[in-house]
Amino acid sequence: MTRGPISAALVAAALLQALAGCAQQSPKATTASEAPKQPVVPPPPPAAQEKPPAPKPPSVAPAPPPRNLEGFVDEPALKDVFFERDRADILREGTSIMVSNARWLLARWLVDNRDYLVLIEGHTDSRGTREDRHDIAELRAKAAASFLATMGLPDARLWTVSHGSDRPVCTDRSEACAARNRRVHFRVKIQ
């Protein structure tokens, strides 16, 4: 990717070194009859070496998924974020809710010195196959966790779980009801 600039830099460095070396030699008086037999050619630049890959920054390993959900409680300050059908991207309204949730959690960690674990539960409506519902709910939970991490919350404190359509908040067969079930829900546990 950056081979061109590196090669150019190596060639320039070799030429500068060759010129600097020539400048330090004392000039030798030559006559017209003492012309050099071969022209002086600077040594070829060293072969471009590939840059070794940068070491990966140390990362905090995410906490293992909870074995059980005991001890996690609903926090009224943390609002659910809703999604469109078969989508896992956080929309404009969801973004403002996520920012509000992140600020609340950061305030608890920074101001109250409370060590919270956050369980982010992904949910879907009842449409599609069980596997598809599980997958989209997982994507929603991970999207919310990623958003919170970009807001400064530590990854290791964010746990995700996919409930698919197993825990609906509404059971009517209407679109309005289905929309209420397409969500992520936040629960907390103080350690």
Protein backbone atom coordinates (compact mmCIF):
# COMPACT_ATOMS: atom_id res chain seq x y z
CA MET A 1 0.00 0.00 0.00
CA THR A 2 2.77 2.46 0.95
CA ARG A 3 5.51 0.84 -1.07
CA GLY A 4 5.89 3.82 -3.45
CA PRO A 5 6.69 6.46 -0.81
CA ILE A 6 8.93 4.05 1.13
CA SER A 7 10.92 3.12 -1.99
CA ALA A 8 11.33 6.79 -2.91
CA ALA A 9 12.52 7.58 0.60
CA LEU A 10 15.06 4.73 0.54
CA VAL A 11 16.44 5.84 -2.85
CA ALA A 12 16.71 9.45 -1.66
CA ALA A 13 18.48 8.37 1.54
CA ALA A 14 20.98 6.24 -0.43
CA LEU A 15 21.75 9.11 -2.81
CA LEU A 16 22.23 11.57 0.07
CA GLN A 17 24.56 9.15 1.80
CA ALA A 18 26.56 8.63 -1.40
CA LEU A 19 26.82 12.39 -1.98
CA ALA A 20 27.80 13.03 1.63
CA GLY A 21 30.51 10.37 1.38
CA CYS A 22 31.90 11.92 -1.82
CA ALA A 23 31.97 15.39 -0.28
CA GLN A 24 34.20 14.21 2.58
CA GLN A 25 36.92 12.75 0.32
CA SER A 26 39.82 15.09 -0.39
CA PRO A 27 39.89 16.21 -4.00
CA LYS A 28 42.70 14.60 -6.02
CA ALA A 29 44.37 16.63 -8.70
CA THR A 30 43.98 14.97 -12.06
CA THR A 31 45.29 15.87 -15.43
CA ALA A 32 43.60 15.39 -18.73
CA SER A 33 45.68 12.27 -19.35
CA GLU A 34 44.60 10.72 -16.06
CA ALA A 35 40.93 10.40 -16.90
CA PRO A 36 39.24 7.66 -14.93
CA LYS A 37 38.81 4.42 -16.81
CA GLN A 38 35.22 3.87 -15.68
CA PRO A 39 32.68 6.40 -14.57
CA VAL A 40 31.90 6.41 -10.87
CA VAL A 41 28.46 4.97 -10.31
CA PRO A 42 26.82 5.20 -6.92
CA PRO A 43 25.91 1.85 -5.44
CA PRO A 44 22.38 0.68 -6.20
CA PRO A 45 19.82 1.49 -3.55
CA PRO A 46 19.10 -1.33 -1.13
CA ALA A 47 16.16 -3.51 -2.07
CA ALA A 48 12.92 -2.22 -0.66
CA GLN A 49 12.10 -4.13 2.46
CA GLU A 50 8.53 -4.70 3.41
CA LYS A 51 7.50 -2.88 6.51
CA PRO A 52 6.72 -5.34 9.30
CA PRO A 53 3.09 -5.24 10.37
CA ALA A 54 2.37 -2.86 13.19
CA PRO A 55 1.77 -4.61 16.48
CA LYS A 56 -1.87 -4.83 17.41
CA PRO A 57 -2.84 -2.55 20.27
CA PRO A 58 -3.65 -4.42 23.44
CA SER A 59 -7.34 -4.88 23.76
CA VAL A 60 -9.48 -5.56 26.73
CA ALA A 61 -11.09 -8.94 26.30
CA PRO A 62 -14.85 -8.65 26.43
CA ALA A 63 -16.50 -10.17 29.42
CA PRO A 64 -17.79 -13.67 28.85
CA PRO A 65 -21.51 -13.87 28.22
CA PRO A 66 -23.49 -14.22 31.40
CA ARG A 67 -24.33 -17.77 32.41
CA ASN A 68 -27.61 -16.56 33.77
CA LEU A 69 -29.39 -13.27 33.77
CA GLU A 70 -29.93 -13.14 37.52
CA GLY A 71 -29.06 -9.89 39.17
CA PHE A 72 -29.69 -7.74 36.11
CA VAL A 73 -32.47 -5.25 36.69
CA ASP A 74 -34.40 -2.81 34.57
CA GLU A 75 -33.26 0.80 34.96
CA PRO A 76 -36.02 3.31 34.14
CA ALA A 77 -33.44 5.87 32.95
CA LEU A 78 -32.31 3.52 30.16
CA LYS A 79 -34.79 3.62 27.28
CA ASP A 80 -35.42 0.98 24.63
CA VAL A 81 -34.25 1.63 21.08
CA PHE A 82 -36.56 0.54 18.25
CA PHE A 83 -35.73 -0.74 14.77
CA GLU A 84 -37.34 -1.13 11.38
CA ARG A 85 -38.33 -4.60 10.21
CA ASP A 86 -35.33 -6.81 9.34
CA ARG A 87 -32.90 -3.97 10.10
CA ALA A 88 -30.21 -3.58 12.75
CA ASP A 89 -29.05 -0.03 12.04
CA ILE A 90 -29.78 2.60 14.66
CA LEU A 91 -31.95 5.36 13.22
CA ARG A 92 -31.96 9.07 14.11
CA GLU A 93 -34.46 8.74 16.97
CA GLY A 94 -32.57 5.72 18.26
CA THR A 95 -29.31 7.65 18.15
CA SER A 96 -30.61 10.33 20.51
CA ILE A 97 -31.86 7.63 22.89
CA MET A 98 -28.49 5.84 22.72
CA VAL A 99 -26.65 9.09 23.51
CA SER A 100 -28.93 9.66 26.49
CA ASN A 101 -28.38 6.08 27.71
CA ALA A 102 -24.61 6.41 27.30
CA ARG A 103 -24.53 9.67 29.24
CA TRP A 104 -26.51 8.13 32.09
CA LEU A 105 -24.18 5.12 32.26
CA LEU A 106 -21.03 7.25 32.06
CA ALA A 107 -22.32 9.47 34.85
CA ARG A 108 -22.85 6.42 37.05
CA TRP A 109 -19.35 5.14 36.36
CA LEU A 110 -17.55 8.46 36.63
CA VAL A 111 -19.58 10.33 39.22
CA ASP A 112 -20.97 7.62 41.47
CA ASN A 113 -18.00 5.26 41.06
CA ARG A 114 -20.38 2.40 40.51
CA ASP A 115 -19.21 -0.55 38.52
CA TYR A 116 -22.10 -1.46 36.24
CA LEU A 117 -22.44 -4.38 33.90
CA VAL A 118 -24.83 -3.62 31.07
CA LEU A 119 -26.90 -6.38 29.48
CA ILE A 120 -28.13 -5.40 26.03
CA GLU A 121 -31.01 -7.63 24.96
CA GLY A 122 -31.88 -7.88 21.27
CA HIS A 123 -35.52 -8.58 20.36
CA THR A 124 -37.56 -9.04 17.18
CA ASP A 125 -41.14 -9.42 16.11
CA SER A 126 -42.50 -12.87 15.20
CA ARG A 127 -41.90 -12.66 11.44
CA GLY A 128 -39.38 -14.90 9.71
CA THR A 129 -37.69 -18.10 10.80
CA ARG A 130 -36.51 -18.67 14.35
CA GLU A 131 -32.88 -18.56 13.18
CA ASP A 132 -33.40 -15.30 11.27
CA ARG A 133 -35.10 -13.72 14.29
CA HIS A 134 -32.24 -14.79 16.54
CA ASP A 135 -29.64 -13.41 14.09
CA ILE A 136 -31.29 -10.00 13.62
CA ALA A 137 -31.82 -9.65 17.38
CA GLU A 138 -28.13 -10.42 17.92
CA LEU A 139 -27.12 -7.83 15.31
CA ARG A 140 -29.30 -5.22 17.03
CA ALA A 141 -27.76 -5.93 20.43
CA LYS A 142 -24.24 -5.76 18.98
CA ALA A 143 -25.02 -2.50 17.16
CA ALA A 144 -26.16 -0.97 20.45
CA ALA A 145 -23.07 -2.27 22.28
CA SER A 146 -20.80 -0.87 19.56
CA PHE A 147 -22.53 2.50 19.79
CA LEU A 148 -22.06 2.61 23.59
CA ALA A 149 -18.40 1.64 23.20
CA THR A 150 -17.81 4.53 20.78
CA MET A 151 -19.33 6.82 23.40
CA GLY A 152 -16.62 5.75 25.87
CA LEU A 153 -18.14 2.84 27.75
CA PRO A 154 -15.73 -0.07 28.26
CA ASP A 155 -16.39 -3.07 26.00
CA ALA A 156 -15.72 -5.49 28.83
CA ARG A 157 -18.73 -4.11 30.73
CA LEU A 158 -21.18 -4.53 27.82
CA TRP A 159 -22.81 -7.92 27.38
CA THR A 160 -25.21 -8.82 24.60
CA VAL A 161 -27.86 -11.48 24.37
CA SER A 162 -30.34 -12.35 21.62
CA HIS A 163 -33.87 -13.25 22.63
CA GLY A 164 -35.30 -13.22 19.11
CA SER A 165 -39.08 -13.16 19.47
CA ASP A 166 -39.14 -15.12 22.76
CA ARG A 167 -39.87 -12.13 25.01
CA PRO A 168 -42.43 -9.89 23.30
CA VAL A 169 -43.77 -6.78 25.02
CA CYS A 170 -46.87 -6.93 22.83
CA THR A 171 -48.72 -9.98 21.50
CA ASP A 172 -51.36 -8.43 19.22
CA ARG A 173 -51.18 -9.30 15.53
CA SER A 174 -50.83 -5.68 14.38
CA GLU A 175 -47.95 -3.79 12.78
CA ALA A 176 -47.90 -1.34 15.71
CA CYS A 177 -47.45 -4.25 18.10
CA ALA A 178 -44.74 -5.84 15.94
CA ALA A 179 -42.88 -2.50 15.86
CA ARG A 180 -42.82 -2.39 19.68
CA ASN A 181 -41.14 -5.82 19.73
CA ARG A 182 -38.30 -4.83 17.35
CA ARG A 183 -36.02 -3.33 19.98
CA VAL A 184 -32.99 -3.51 22.21
CA HIS A 185 -33.60 -3.37 25.93
CA PHE A 186 -31.00 -2.42 28.55
CA ARG A 187 -30.61 -3.96 32.00
CA VAL A 188 -27.90 -3.29 34.57
CA LYS A 189 -26.18 -5.05 37.41
CA ILE A 190 -23.95 -3.37 39.98
CA GLN A 191 -20.85 -5.36 40.85
